[in-house]
C-alpha atoms as a PDB file:
ATOM      1  CA  MET A   1     -34.069   4.543  15.009  1.00  0.00           C
ATOM      2  CA  LYS A   2     -30.534   5.575  15.854  1.00  0.00           C
ATOM      3  CA  THR A   3     -27.908   4.580  13.296  1.00  0.00           C
ATOM      4  CA  PRO A   4     -25.280   2.157  14.716  1.00  0.00           C
ATOM      5  CA  PHE A   5     -22.391   4.140  13.297  1.00  0.00           C
ATOM      6  CA  ASP A   6     -21.081   7.703  13.120  1.00  0.00           C
ATOM      7  CA  THR A   7     -22.432   9.611  10.125  1.00  0.00           C
ATOM      8  CA  SER A   8     -21.635  13.092   8.814  1.00  0.00           C
ATOM      9  CA  LYS A   9     -22.649  15.064   5.712  1.00  0.00           C
ATOM     10  CA  ASN A  10     -20.478  17.041   3.259  1.00  0.00           C
ATOM     11  CA  THR A  11     -17.303  16.160   5.143  1.00  0.00           C
ATOM     12  CA  SER A  12     -13.817  17.155   4.004  1.00  0.00           C
ATOM     13  CA  LEU A  13     -11.559  14.172   3.314  1.00  0.00           C
ATOM     14  CA  LYS A  14      -8.379  16.260   3.494  1.00  0.00           C
ATOM     15  CA  THR A  15      -7.147  14.470   6.626  1.00  0.00           C
ATOM     16  CA  PHE A  16      -8.314  11.085   5.347  1.00  0.00           C
ATOM     17  CA  ASN A  17      -5.887  10.900   2.388  1.00  0.00           C
ATOM     18  CA  THR A  18      -2.113  11.227   2.574  1.00  0.00           C
ATOM     19  CA  PHE A  19      -1.956  13.428  -0.534  1.00  0.00           C
ATOM     20  CA  GLY A  20      -4.018  15.928   1.469  1.00  0.00           C
ATOM     21  CA  PHE A  21      -6.486  16.751  -1.288  1.00  0.00           C
ATOM     22  CA  ASP A  22      -9.464  18.685   0.056  1.00  0.00           C
ATOM     23  CA  VAL A  23     -12.470  16.960  -1.478  1.00  0.00           C
ATOM     24  CA  LEU A  24     -15.884  16.487   0.100  1.00  0.00           C
ATOM     25  CA  ALA A  25     -17.731  13.274   0.888  1.00  0.00           C
ATOM     26  CA  GLU A  26     -21.471  13.683   0.473  1.00  0.00           C
ATOM     27  CA  GLN A  27     -21.871  11.247   3.365  1.00  0.00           C
ATOM     28  CA  LEU A  28     -19.118   9.825   5.571  1.00  0.00           C
ATOM     29  CA  ILE A  29     -19.828   6.774   7.714  1.00  0.00           C
ATOM     30  CA  VAL A  30     -17.312   5.430  10.235  1.00  0.00           C
ATOM     31  CA  VAL A  31     -17.386   1.808  11.426  1.00  0.00           C
ATOM     32  CA  ASN A  32     -15.371   0.900  14.524  1.00  0.00           C
ATOM     33  CA  ASP A  33     -15.998  -2.823  14.877  1.00  0.00           C
ATOM     34  CA  ARG A  34     -17.033  -5.952  13.012  1.00  0.00           C
ATOM     35  CA  SER A  35     -20.686  -5.798  14.050  1.00  0.00           C
ATOM     36  CA  GLN A  36     -21.015  -2.256  12.720  1.00  0.00           C
ATOM     37  CA  LEU A  37     -19.455  -3.295   9.415  1.00  0.00           C
ATOM     38  CA  ILE A  38     -21.838  -6.243   9.089  1.00  0.00           C
ATOM     39  CA  SER A  39     -24.764  -3.952   9.892  1.00  0.00           C
ATOM     40  CA  PHE A  40     -23.585  -1.478   7.254  1.00  0.00           C
ATOM     41  CA  CYS A  41     -23.135  -4.159   4.590  1.00  0.00           C
ATOM     42  CA  LYS A  42     -26.626  -5.532   5.264  1.00  0.00           C
ATOM     43  CA  SER A  43     -28.250  -2.131   4.809  1.00  0.00           C
ATOM     44  CA  PRO A  44     -29.429  -1.361   1.248  1.00  0.00           C
ATOM     45  CA  GLU A  45     -29.929   2.224   2.395  1.00  0.00           C
ATOM     46  CA  HIS A  46     -26.155   2.616   2.722  1.00  0.00           C
ATOM     47  CA  THR A  47     -24.668   0.100   0.307  1.00  0.00           C
ATOM     48  CA  SER A  48     -26.762   1.251  -2.652  1.00  0.00           C
ATOM     49  CA  ASP A  49     -24.760   4.442  -2.943  1.00  0.00           C
ATOM     50  CA  LEU A  50     -21.408   3.275  -1.520  1.00  0.00           C
ATOM     51  CA  SER A  51     -18.710   5.040  -3.538  1.00  0.00           C
ATOM     52  CA  LEU A  52     -15.501   4.502  -1.587  1.00  0.00           C
ATOM     53  CA  VAL A  53     -14.089   2.429   1.272  1.00  0.00           C
ATOM     54  CA  LEU A  54     -11.325   4.305   3.096  1.00  0.00           C
ATOM     55  CA  GLY A  55      -8.590   2.738   5.154  1.00  0.00           C
ATOM     56  CA  GLY A  56      -5.478   4.800   5.785  1.00  0.00           C
ATOM     57  CA  GLY A  57      -5.972   6.780   2.570  1.00  0.00           C
ATOM     58  CA  SER A  58      -2.345   6.154   1.643  1.00  0.00           C
ATOM     59  CA  ASN A  59      -2.803   4.631  -1.793  1.00  0.00           C
ATOM     60  CA  LEU A  60      -5.341   7.067  -3.132  1.00  0.00           C
ATOM     61  CA  CYS A  61      -5.493  10.103  -5.400  1.00  0.00           C
ATOM     62  CA  LEU A  62      -8.825  11.906  -5.037  1.00  0.00           C
ATOM     63  CA  THR A  63      -9.612  14.072  -8.052  1.00  0.00           C
ATOM     64  CA  GLN A  64     -13.165  15.172  -7.220  1.00  0.00           C
ATOM     65  CA  ASP A  65     -15.833  15.372  -4.525  1.00  0.00           C
ATOM     66  CA  ILE A  66     -17.320  11.971  -3.717  1.00  0.00           C
ATOM     67  CA  LYS A  67     -21.039  11.597  -4.274  1.00  0.00           C
ATOM     68  CA  GLY A  68     -22.880   9.022  -2.221  1.00  0.00           C
ATOM     69  CA  THR A  69     -21.351   7.292   0.807  1.00  0.00           C
ATOM     70  CA  VAL A  70     -17.721   7.013   1.863  1.00  0.00           C
ATOM     71  CA  LEU A  71     -17.082   4.298   4.456  1.00  0.00           C
ATOM     72  CA  HIS A  72     -14.128   4.725   6.806  1.00  0.00           C
ATOM     73  CA  ASN A  73     -13.029   1.352   8.202  1.00  0.00           C
ATOM     74  CA  ARG A  74     -11.523   1.820  11.680  1.00  0.00           C
ATOM     75  CA  ILE A  75     -11.848  -1.738  13.004  1.00  0.00           C
ATOM     76  CA  SER A  76      -9.076  -2.305  15.536  1.00  0.00           C
ATOM     77  CA  GLY A  77      -7.902  -5.207  17.668  1.00  0.00           C
ATOM     78  CA  LYS A  78      -5.283  -7.933  18.000  1.00  0.00           C
ATOM     79  CA  GLU A  79      -5.759 -11.556  19.007  1.00  0.00           C
ATOM     80  CA  VAL A  80      -3.878 -14.848  18.935  1.00  0.00           C
ATOM     81  CA  ILE A  81      -5.473 -17.425  16.639  1.00  0.00           C
ATOM     82  CA  SER A  82      -2.995 -20.268  17.151  1.00  0.00           C
ATOM     83  CA  GLU A  83       0.481 -20.723  18.536  1.00  0.00           C
ATOM     84  CA  SER A  84       3.271 -23.290  18.644  1.00  0.00           C
ATOM     85  CA  GLU A  85       6.864 -23.214  19.843  1.00  0.00           C
ATOM     86  CA  GLU A  86       7.991 -22.053  16.404  1.00  0.00           C
ATOM     87  CA  THR A  87       5.197 -19.825  15.081  1.00  0.00           C
ATOM     88  CA  ILE A  88       2.202 -17.733  16.035  1.00  0.00           C
ATOM     89  CA  THR A  89      -0.819 -16.744  13.954  1.00  0.00           C
ATOM     90  CA  MET A  90      -2.132 -13.294  14.878  1.00  0.00           C
ATOM     91  CA  ARG A  91      -5.346 -11.586  13.799  1.00  0.00           C
ATOM     92  CA  PHE A  92      -5.368  -7.808  13.351  1.00  0.00           C
ATOM     93  CA  GLY A  93      -8.316  -5.509  12.751  1.00  0.00           C
ATOM     94  CA  ALA A  94      -8.374  -3.967   9.276  1.00  0.00           C
ATOM     95  CA  GLY A  95      -8.258  -0.454  10.725  1.00  0.00           C
ATOM     96  CA  GLU A  96      -5.000  -0.977  12.627  1.00  0.00           C
ATOM     97  CA  ASN A  97      -2.126   1.216  11.436  1.00  0.00           C
ATOM     98  CA  TRP A  98       0.277  -0.905   9.401  1.00  0.00           C
ATOM     99  CA  HIS A  99       3.605   0.428  10.675  1.00  0.00           C
ATOM    100  CA  GLN A 100       2.475   0.365  14.299  1.00  0.00           C
ATOM    101  CA  THR A 101       1.402  -3.249  13.759  1.00  0.00           C
ATOM    102  CA  VAL A 102       4.854  -4.148  12.425  1.00  0.00           C
ATOM    103  CA  LEU A 103       6.554  -2.509  15.420  1.00  0.00           C
ATOM    104  CA  TRP A 104       4.186  -4.264  17.843  1.00  0.00           C
ATOM    105  CA  THR A 105       4.967  -7.706  16.396  1.00  0.00           C
ATOM    106  CA  LEU A 106       8.693  -7.072  16.748  1.00  0.00           C
ATOM    107  CA  GLU A 107       8.262  -5.954  20.355  1.00  0.00           C
ATOM    108  CA  GLN A 108       6.478  -9.240  21.081  1.00  0.00           C
ATOM    109  CA  GLY A 109       9.223 -11.291  19.438  1.00  0.00           C
ATOM    110  CA  TYR A 110       7.137 -12.218  16.382  1.00  0.00           C
ATOM    111  CA  PHE A 111       9.090 -11.961  13.144  1.00  0.00           C
ATOM    112  CA  GLY A 112       8.390 -11.771   9.407  1.00  0.00           C
ATOM    113  CA  LEU A 113       7.072  -8.242   8.882  1.00  0.00           C
ATOM    114  CA  GLU A 114      10.317  -6.358   9.576  1.00  0.00           C
ATOM    115  CA  ASN A 115      11.117  -5.627   5.910  1.00  0.00           C
ATOM    116  CA  LEU A 116       7.683  -4.019   5.546  1.00  0.00           C
ATOM    117  CA  SER A 117       8.360  -1.339   8.171  1.00  0.00           C
ATOM    118  CA  LEU A 118       7.191   2.246   7.616  1.00  0.00           C
ATOM    119  CA  ILE A 119       4.846   1.435   4.740  1.00  0.00           C
ATOM    120  CA  PRO A 120       1.908   3.848   5.084  1.00  0.00           C
ATOM    121  CA  GLY A 121      -1.668   2.652   5.374  1.00  0.00           C
ATOM    122  CA  ASN A 122      -3.709   0.223   7.435  1.00  0.00           C
ATOM    123  CA  VAL A 123      -3.757  -3.553   7.850  1.00  0.00           C
ATOM    124  CA  GLY A 124      -6.876  -4.055   5.738  1.00  0.00           C
ATOM    125  CA  THR A 125      -5.369  -2.483   2.632  1.00  0.00           C
ATOM    126  CA  ALA A 126      -2.133  -4.489   2.858  1.00  0.00           C
ATOM    127  CA  PRO A 127      -3.440  -7.719   1.268  1.00  0.00           C
ATOM    128  CA  MET A 128      -5.597  -5.865  -1.263  1.00  0.00           C
ATOM    129  CA  GLN A 129      -2.499  -4.884  -3.218  1.00  0.00           C
ATOM    130  CA  ASN A 130      -0.093  -7.426  -1.713  1.00  0.00           C
ATOM    131  CA  ILE A 131       2.209  -4.702  -0.396  1.00  0.00           C
ATOM    132  CA  GLY A 132       5.892  -5.457  -0.594  1.00  0.00           C
ATOM    133  CA  ALA A 133       9.306  -3.971   0.069  1.00  0.00           C
ATOM    134  CA  TYR A 134      12.932  -5.053   0.340  1.00  0.00           C
ATOM    135  CA  GLY A 135      12.381  -8.612  -0.832  1.00  0.00           C
ATOM    136  CA  VAL A 136       9.222  -9.408   1.173  1.00  0.00           C
ATOM    137  CA  GLU A 137       5.538  -9.347   0.219  1.00  0.00           C
ATOM    138  CA  ILE A 138       2.413  -9.777   2.321  1.00  0.00           C
ATOM    139  CA  LYS A 139       1.783 -13.173   0.735  1.00  0.00           C
ATOM    140  CA  ASP A 140       4.986 -14.478   2.382  1.00  0.00           C
ATOM    141  CA  VAL A 141       3.473 -14.246   5.889  1.00  0.00           C
ATOM    142  CA  PHE A 142      -0.247 -14.187   5.071  1.00  0.00           C
ATOM    143  CA  SER A 143      -2.479 -16.836   6.615  1.00  0.00           C
ATOM    144  CA  SER A 144      -6.038 -15.713   5.784  1.00  0.00           C
ATOM    145  CA  LEU A 145      -8.426 -12.780   5.968  1.00  0.00           C
ATOM    146  CA  THR A 146     -12.050 -12.221   6.830  1.00  0.00           C
ATOM    147  CA  ALA A 147     -14.187 -10.002   4.631  1.00  0.00           C
ATOM    148  CA  ILE A 148     -17.836  -8.941   4.663  1.00  0.00           C
ATOM    149  CA  GLU A 149     -19.884  -9.142   1.491  1.00  0.00           C
ATOM    150  CA  ILE A 150     -21.436  -5.823   0.495  1.00  0.00           C
ATOM    151  CA  GLY A 151     -25.182  -6.193   0.194  1.00  0.00           C
ATOM    152  CA  THR A 152     -25.603  -9.315   2.329  1.00  0.00           C
ATOM    153  CA  GLY A 153     -23.371  -8.785   5.367  1.00  0.00           C
ATOM    154  CA  LYS A 154     -22.142 -12.379   5.065  1.00  0.00           C
ATOM    155  CA  GLU A 155     -18.653 -13.134   6.382  1.00  0.00           C
ATOM    156  CA  ARG A 156     -16.205 -15.065   4.249  1.00  0.00           C
ATOM    157  CA  THR A 157     -12.697 -16.294   4.949  1.00  0.00           C
ATOM    158  CA  PHE A 158     -10.144 -16.099   2.140  1.00  0.00           C
ATOM    159  CA  THR A 159      -6.991 -18.224   2.015  1.00  0.00           C
ATOM    160  CA  ALA A 160      -3.809 -17.033   0.328  1.00  0.00           C
ATOM    161  CA  GLU A 161      -4.674 -19.079  -2.754  1.00  0.00           C
ATOM    162  CA  GLN A 162      -8.155 -17.578  -2.927  1.00  0.00           C
ATOM    163  CA  CYS A 163      -6.697 -14.065  -2.678  1.00  0.00           C
ATOM    164  CA  GLN A 164      -4.802 -14.682  -5.947  1.00  0.00           C
ATOM    165  CA  PHE A 165      -1.835 -12.557  -4.929  1.00  0.00           C
ATOM    166  CA  GLY A 166       0.343 -11.081  -7.659  1.00  0.00           C
ATOM    167  CA  TYR A 167       2.704  -8.151  -7.978  1.00  0.00           C
ATOM    168  CA  ARG A 168       0.750  -5.387  -6.179  1.00  0.00           C
ATOM    169  CA  GLU A 169      -2.391  -7.321  -7.027  1.00  0.00           C
ATOM    170  CA  SER A 170      -5.056  -9.499  -5.445  1.00  0.00           C
ATOM    171  CA  ILE A 171      -8.529 -10.709  -6.310  1.00  0.00           C
ATOM    172  CA  PHE A 172      -9.884  -7.665  -4.437  1.00  0.00           C
ATOM    173  CA  LYS A 173      -8.462  -5.384  -7.127  1.00  0.00           C
ATOM    174  CA  LYS A 174      -9.775  -7.606  -9.922  1.00  0.00           C
ATOM    175  CA  ASP A 175     -12.688 -10.073  -9.915  1.00  0.00           C
ATOM    176  CA  LEU A 176     -13.976  -9.131  -6.443  1.00  0.00           C
ATOM    177  CA  LYS A 177     -13.345  -5.402  -6.653  1.00  0.00           C
ATOM    178  CA  GLY A 178     -16.107  -3.528  -4.825  1.00  0.00           C
ATOM    179  CA  ARG A 179     -17.774  -6.691  -3.561  1.00  0.00           C
ATOM    180  CA  TYR A 180     -16.174  -7.204  -0.135  1.00  0.00           C
ATOM    181  CA  ILE A 181     -14.813  -5.119   2.737  1.00  0.00           C
ATOM    182  CA  ILE A 182     -11.951  -6.650   4.725  1.00  0.00           C
ATOM    183  CA  SER A 183     -12.570  -6.743   8.481  1.00  0.00           C
ATOM    184  CA  SER A 184      -9.444  -8.560   9.732  1.00  0.00           C
ATOM    185  CA  VAL A 185      -6.235 -10.169   8.499  1.00  0.00           C
ATOM    186  CA  ASP A 186      -4.302 -13.132   9.932  1.00  0.00           C
ATOM    187  CA  PHE A 187      -0.515 -13.441   9.674  1.00  0.00           C
ATOM    188  CA  THR A 188       1.629 -16.419  10.621  1.00  0.00           C
ATOM    189  CA  LEU A 189       4.862 -15.132  12.112  1.00  0.00           C
ATOM    190  CA  THR A 190       8.045 -16.810  13.306  1.00  0.00           C
ATOM    191  CA  LYS A 191       9.083 -16.947  16.962  1.00  0.00           C
ATOM    192  CA  LYS A 192      12.376 -18.794  16.540  1.00  0.00           C
ATOM    193  CA  ASN A 193      15.178 -18.815  13.965  1.00  0.00           C
ATOM    194  CA  PRO A 194      13.736 -16.132  11.668  1.00  0.00           C
ATOM    195  CA  SER A 195      14.768 -16.191   8.016  1.00  0.00           C
ATOM    196  CA  LEU A 196      16.148 -12.683   7.528  1.00  0.00           C
ATOM    197  CA  LYS A 197      16.034 -10.946   4.150  1.00  0.00           C
ATOM    198  CA  THR A 198      18.999  -8.577   3.901  1.00  0.00           C
ATOM    199  CA  ALA A 199      20.051  -8.804   0.259  1.00  0.00           C
ATOM    200  CA  TYR A 200      17.585  -6.316  -1.193  1.00  0.00           C
ATOM    201  CA  GLY A 201      18.249  -2.599  -1.587  1.00  0.00           C
ATOM    202  CA  ASP A 202      20.600  -0.839   0.817  1.00  0.00           C
ATOM    203  CA  ILE A 203      19.913  -2.984   3.875  1.00  0.00           C
ATOM    204  CA  GLN A 204      23.358  -4.586   3.914  1.00  0.00           C
ATOM    205  CA  SER A 205      25.183  -1.291   3.540  1.00  0.00           C
ATOM    206  CA  VAL A 206      23.196   0.266   6.406  1.00  0.00           C
ATOM    207  CA  LEU A 207      23.948  -2.731   8.622  1.00  0.00           C
ATOM    208  CA  ARG A 208      27.618  -2.574   7.651  1.00  0.00           C
ATOM    209  CA  ASP A 209      27.795   1.140   8.444  1.00  0.00           C
ATOM    210  CA  ARG A 210      26.381   0.352  11.885  1.00  0.00           C
ATOM    211  CA  GLY A 211      28.883  -2.447  12.470  1.00  0.00           C
ATOM    212  CA  ILE A 212      26.145  -5.090  12.654  1.00  0.00           C
ATOM    213  CA  GLN A 213      27.349  -8.502  11.449  1.00  0.00           C
ATOM    214  CA  ASN A 214      24.609 -10.698  12.906  1.00  0.00           C
ATOM    215  CA  PRO A 215      21.436  -8.655  12.559  1.00  0.00           C
ATOM    216  CA  THR A 216      18.204  -9.288  14.420  1.00  0.00           C
ATOM    217  CA  PRO A 217      14.764  -8.685  12.877  1.00  0.00           C
ATOM    218  CA  LEU A 218      14.668  -5.394  14.811  1.00  0.00           C
ATOM    219  CA  ASP A 219      17.972  -4.393  13.184  1.00  0.00           C
ATOM    220  CA  ILE A 220      16.425  -5.096   9.779  1.00  0.00           C
ATOM    221  CA  SER A 221      13.370  -3.017  10.645  1.00  0.00           C
ATOM    222  CA  GLN A 222      15.480  -0.093  11.817  1.00  0.00           C
ATOM    223  CA  ALA A 223      17.615  -0.288   8.662  1.00  0.00           C
ATOM    224  CA  VAL A 224      14.495  -0.264   6.468  1.00  0.00           C
ATOM    225  CA  ILE A 225      13.094   2.696   8.398  1.00  0.00           C
ATOM    226  CA  THR A 226      16.369   4.593   7.921  1.00  0.00           C
ATOM    227  CA  ILE A 227      16.407   3.875   4.192  1.00  0.00           C
ATOM    228  CA  ARG A 228      12.768   4.831   3.679  1.00  0.00           C
ATOM    229  CA  GLN A 229      13.114   8.030   5.703  1.00  0.00           C
ATOM    230  CA  SER A 230      16.159   9.039   3.646  1.00  0.00           C
ATOM    231  CA  LYS A 231      14.306   8.581   0.348  1.00  0.00           C
ATOM    232  CA  LEU A 232      10.598   9.021   0.984  1.00  0.00           C
ATOM    233  CA  PRO A 233       8.834  12.148   2.236  1.00  0.00           C
ATOM    234  CA  ASP A 234       6.647  12.029   5.332  1.00  0.00           C
ATOM    235  CA  PRO A 235       3.004  12.740   4.345  1.00  0.00           C
ATOM    236  CA  ALA A 236       2.801  14.887   7.492  1.00  0.00           C
ATOM    237  CA  ASP A 237       5.365  17.205   5.889  1.00  0.00           C
ATOM    238  CA  ILE A 238       4.376  17.029   2.230  1.00  0.00           C
ATOM    239  CA  GLY A 239       1.397  15.323   0.616  1.00  0.00           C
ATOM    240  CA  ASN A 240       2.230  12.051  -1.136  1.00  0.00           C
ATOM    241  CA  SER A 241       1.092   8.480  -1.546  1.00  0.00           C
ATOM    242  CA  GLY A 242       4.451   6.729  -1.566  1.00  0.00           C
ATOM    243  CA  SER A 243       5.427   5.076  -4.823  1.00  0.00           C
ATOM    244  CA  PHE A 244       3.006   6.368  -7.449  1.00  0.00           C
ATOM    245  CA  PHE A 245       4.014   3.924 -10.199  1.00  0.00           C
ATOM    246  CA  LYS A 246       4.505   0.173 -10.312  1.00  0.00           C
ATOM    247  CA  ASN A 247       7.790  -1.252 -11.490  1.00  0.00           C
ATOM    248  CA  PRO A 248       6.846  -2.556 -14.964  1.00  0.00           C
ATOM    249  CA  ILE A 249       7.006  -6.307 -15.608  1.00  0.00           C
ATOM    250  CA  ILE A 250       8.155  -6.941 -19.184  1.00  0.00           C
ATOM    251  CA  SER A 251       9.069  -9.998 -21.238  1.00  0.00           C
ATOM    252  CA  ALA A 252      12.677 -11.129 -21.488  1.00  0.00           C
ATOM    253  CA  GLU A 253      12.612 -10.211 -25.185  1.00  0.00           C
ATOM    254  CA  ALA A 254      11.381  -6.686 -24.466  1.00  0.00           C
ATOM    255  CA  TYR A 255      13.969  -6.292 -21.719  1.00  0.00           C
ATOM    256  CA  HIS A 256      16.860  -7.327 -23.949  1.00  0.00           C
ATOM    257  CA  ILE A 257      15.707  -4.912 -26.659  1.00  0.00           C
ATOM    258  CA  ALA A 258      15.541  -2.069 -24.132  1.00  0.00           C
ATOM    259  CA  GLN A 259      18.865  -3.038 -22.578  1.00  0.00           C
ATOM    260  CA  LYS A 260      20.647  -2.810 -25.922  1.00  0.00           C
ATOM    261  CA  LYS A 261      19.582   0.831 -26.157  1.00  0.00           C
ATOM    262  CA  HIS A 262      20.147   1.479 -22.446  1.00  0.00           C
ATOM    263  CA  PRO A 263      22.884  -0.871 -21.141  1.00  0.00           C
ATOM    264  CA  GLU A 264      22.782   0.721 -17.673  1.00  0.00           C
ATOM    265  CA  MET A 265      19.053  -0.005 -17.223  1.00  0.00           C
ATOM    266  CA  VAL A 266      18.217  -1.304 -13.741  1.00  0.00           C
ATOM    267  CA  ALA A 267      16.081  -4.446 -13.803  1.00  0.00           C
ATOM    268  CA  TYR A 268      15.677  -7.708 -11.921  1.00  0.00           C
ATOM    269  CA  PRO A 269      14.649 -11.211 -13.026  1.00  0.00           C
ATOM    270  CA  PHE A 270      10.990 -11.860 -12.213  1.00  0.00           C
ATOM    271  CA  GLY A 271      10.248 -15.466 -13.053  1.00  0.00           C
ATOM    272  CA  GLU A 272      10.681 -15.711 -16.823  1.00  0.00           C
ATOM    273  CA  GLU A 273      10.189 -11.944 -17.120  1.00  0.00           C
ATOM    274  CA  PHE A 274      11.976  -8.855 -15.849  1.00  0.00           C
ATOM    275  CA  LYS A 275      10.942  -6.173 -13.373  1.00  0.00           C
ATOM    276  CA  VAL A 276      12.294  -2.816 -14.525  1.00  0.00           C
ATOM    277  CA  SER A 277      12.982  -0.003 -12.076  1.00  0.00           C
ATOM    278  CA  ALA A 278      10.399   2.697 -12.780  1.00  0.00           C
ATOM    279  CA  GLY A 279      12.275   5.053 -10.474  1.00  0.00           C
ATOM    280  CA  TRP A 280      15.474   4.638 -12.470  1.00  0.00           C
ATOM    281  CA  MET A 281      13.724   5.429 -15.761  1.00  0.00           C
ATOM    282  CA  ILE A 282      11.922   8.472 -14.362  1.00  0.00           C
ATOM    283  CA  ASP A 283      15.142   9.742 -12.784  1.00  0.00           C
ATOM    284  CA  ARG A 284      17.203   9.255 -15.952  1.00  0.00           C
ATOM    285  CA  ALA A 285      14.483  10.962 -17.974  1.00  0.00           C
ATOM    286  CA  GLY A 286      15.078  14.090 -15.884  1.00  0.00           C
ATOM    287  CA  TRP A 287      11.861  14.212 -13.866  1.00  0.00           C
ATOM    288  CA  LYS A 288      13.294  13.942 -10.352  1.00  0.00           C
ATOM    289  CA  GLY A 289      12.749  17.222  -8.510  1.00  0.00           C
ATOM    290  CA  TYR A 290      10.460  18.594 -11.239  1.00  0.00           C
ATOM    291  CA  ARG A 291       7.694  20.906 -10.018  1.00  0.00           C
ATOM    292  CA  GLU A 292       4.592  22.126 -11.797  1.00  0.00           C
ATOM    293  CA  GLY A 293       2.431  24.468  -9.722  1.00  0.00           C
ATOM    294  CA  HIS A 294       1.092  22.685  -6.647  1.00  0.00           C
ATOM    295  CA  VAL A 295       2.543  19.270  -7.526  1.00  0.00           C
ATOM    296  CA  GLY A 296       5.811  17.686  -8.549  1.00  0.00           C
ATOM    297  CA  VAL A 297       8.241  14.763  -8.411  1.00  0.00           C
ATOM    298  CA  HIS A 298      10.093  14.284  -5.156  1.00  0.00           C
ATOM    299  CA  ALA A 299      13.709  15.472  -5.172  1.00  0.00           C
ATOM    300  CA  LYS A 300      15.065  12.270  -3.588  1.00  0.00           C
ATOM    301  CA  GLN A 301      12.804   9.567  -5.048  1.00  0.00           C
ATOM    302  CA  ALA A 302      11.528   9.809  -8.601  1.00  0.00           C
ATOM    303  CA  LEU A 303       8.771   7.237  -7.956  1.00  0.00           C
ATOM    304  CA  VAL A 304       7.040   9.612  -5.551  1.00  0.00           C
ATOM    305  CA  LEU A 305       4.713  12.347  -6.795  1.00  0.00           C
ATOM    306  CA  VAL A 306       4.081  15.075  -4.240  1.00  0.00           C
ATOM    307  CA  HIS A 307       1.435  17.679  -3.430  1.00  0.00           C
ATOM    308  CA  TYR A 308       2.831  20.906  -1.992  1.00  0.00           C
ATOM    309  CA  GLY A 309      -0.597  22.080  -0.826  1.00  0.00           C
ATOM    310  CA  GLY A 310      -3.511  23.968  -2.305  1.00  0.00           C
ATOM    311  CA  GLY A 311      -3.732  21.737  -5.362  1.00  0.00           C
ATOM    312  CA  LYS A 312      -6.124  19.193  -6.796  1.00  0.00           C
ATOM    313  CA  GLY A 313      -5.824  15.507  -7.558  1.00  0.00           C
ATOM    314  CA  ALA A 314      -6.310  16.224 -11.259  1.00  0.00           C
ATOM    315  CA  GLU A 315      -2.960  18.046 -11.239  1.00  0.00           C
ATOM    316  CA  ILE A 316      -1.204  14.903 -10.014  1.00  0.00           C
ATOM    317  CA  VAL A 317      -2.975  12.841 -12.671  1.00  0.00           C
ATOM    318  CA  GLU A 318      -1.969  15.298 -15.400  1.00  0.00           C
ATOM    319  CA  LEU A 319       1.663  15.163 -14.247  1.00  0.00           C
ATOM    320  CA  ALA A 320       1.542  11.355 -14.112  1.00  0.00           C
ATOM    321  CA  HIS A 321       0.273  11.195 -17.714  1.00  0.00           C
ATOM    322  CA  LYS A 322       3.138  13.416 -18.881  1.00  0.00           C
ATOM    323  CA  ILE A 323       5.645  11.126 -17.186  1.00  0.00           C
ATOM    324  CA  ILE A 324       4.008   7.993 -18.628  1.00  0.00           C
ATOM    325  CA  GLU A 325       4.142   9.423 -22.166  1.00  0.00           C
ATOM    326  CA  ASP A 326       7.754  10.538 -21.781  1.00  0.00           C
ATOM    327  CA  ILE A 327       8.935   7.184 -20.427  1.00  0.00           C
ATOM    328  CA  TYR A 328       7.205   5.353 -23.263  1.00  0.00           C
ATOM    329  CA  ASP A 329       8.811   7.669 -25.819  1.00  0.00           C
ATOM    330  CA  LYS A 330      12.272   7.156 -24.307  1.00  0.00           C
ATOM    331  CA  TYR A 331      12.185   3.483 -23.320  1.00  0.00           C
ATOM    332  CA  GLY A 332       9.204   1.898 -25.080  1.00  0.00           C
ATOM    333  CA  ILE A 333       7.903   0.774 -21.677  1.00  0.00           C
ATOM    334  CA  THR A 334       4.486   1.683 -20.288  1.00  0.00           C
ATOM    335  CA  LEU A 335       4.246   2.775 -16.654  1.00  0.00           C
ATOM    336  CA  GLU A 336       1.112   2.020 -14.648  1.00  0.00           C
ATOM    337  CA  PRO A 337      -0.009   3.848 -11.507  1.00  0.00           C
ATOM    338  CA  GLU A 338       0.151   1.875  -8.284  1.00  0.00           C
ATOM    339  CA  VAL A 339      -2.115   4.453  -6.649  1.00  0.00           C
ATOM    340  CA  ASN A 340      -5.890   4.219  -6.997  1.00  0.00           C
ATOM    341  CA  ILE A 341      -7.224   7.282  -8.843  1.00  0.00           C
ATOM    342  CA  LEU A 342     -10.789   8.400  -8.138  1.00  0.00           C
END
């Protein structure tokens, strides 16, 4: 019986991860639509040795060959779920490219995703870690998602509350890790009178430099793209996975202790706690631009670890551990990777 999806053996994943690490998948299966994903999830033959679900490969550090099955989710598609004069709820396939999705919504006059422009990856991975940038997170525009249970093939819809969104967190990275595969995501976007977020980062200065006093969502998107391109390397030019570390969330007491020793420390209130800039600490500790063999810290953004080619994921992990130890020694704050390490 012919398998309903594309299958290959001992396949290089070099082009499937933005770090560009050349590891092999013992078996690679590609699903292109919902029915194929359901069929895969129902099949004990495939799910019994499922080791990795790949989306855009942009939040991943592969340190070794992958035994068993790697599933590449390429489900595409866009459809209107509901619409009013003020808003529209759109459904996007999990395999749709994230940045292209953002640009498409803006072209249609649907607003809310503009601050999340140029984030690498696919739609399906966006809610898994509640991606965020420049004052906006996925949870701010999220409506629901559909996921398929591994082992049964049963579909389930998750509301925002059920996703348990946190800072770069969701239930799919915690209690339900490895139990579901996201097939589509619904976003509720604004069609009229969008609430623009311009206060975060350098957005205002970019708009000011361009003489824009009354920005549109497209202006915000273009400003974000300019900022990200000036700070973050293109994975097509040099292997990277964007921000490698999370910005640590620490108690107010811990922040005030650290601030006494480092009055210039960059941090922001985060509820009753504080979010400390990991990039600032790494930069001040002297790591920006550091290189060690095939890997290093990007010269313009200390949060980004880079792969110059010919290296292995273990080299990135070793460098990350050195940075974590150094930051703890200097600031008493523990950094955590944002990137999934396998």
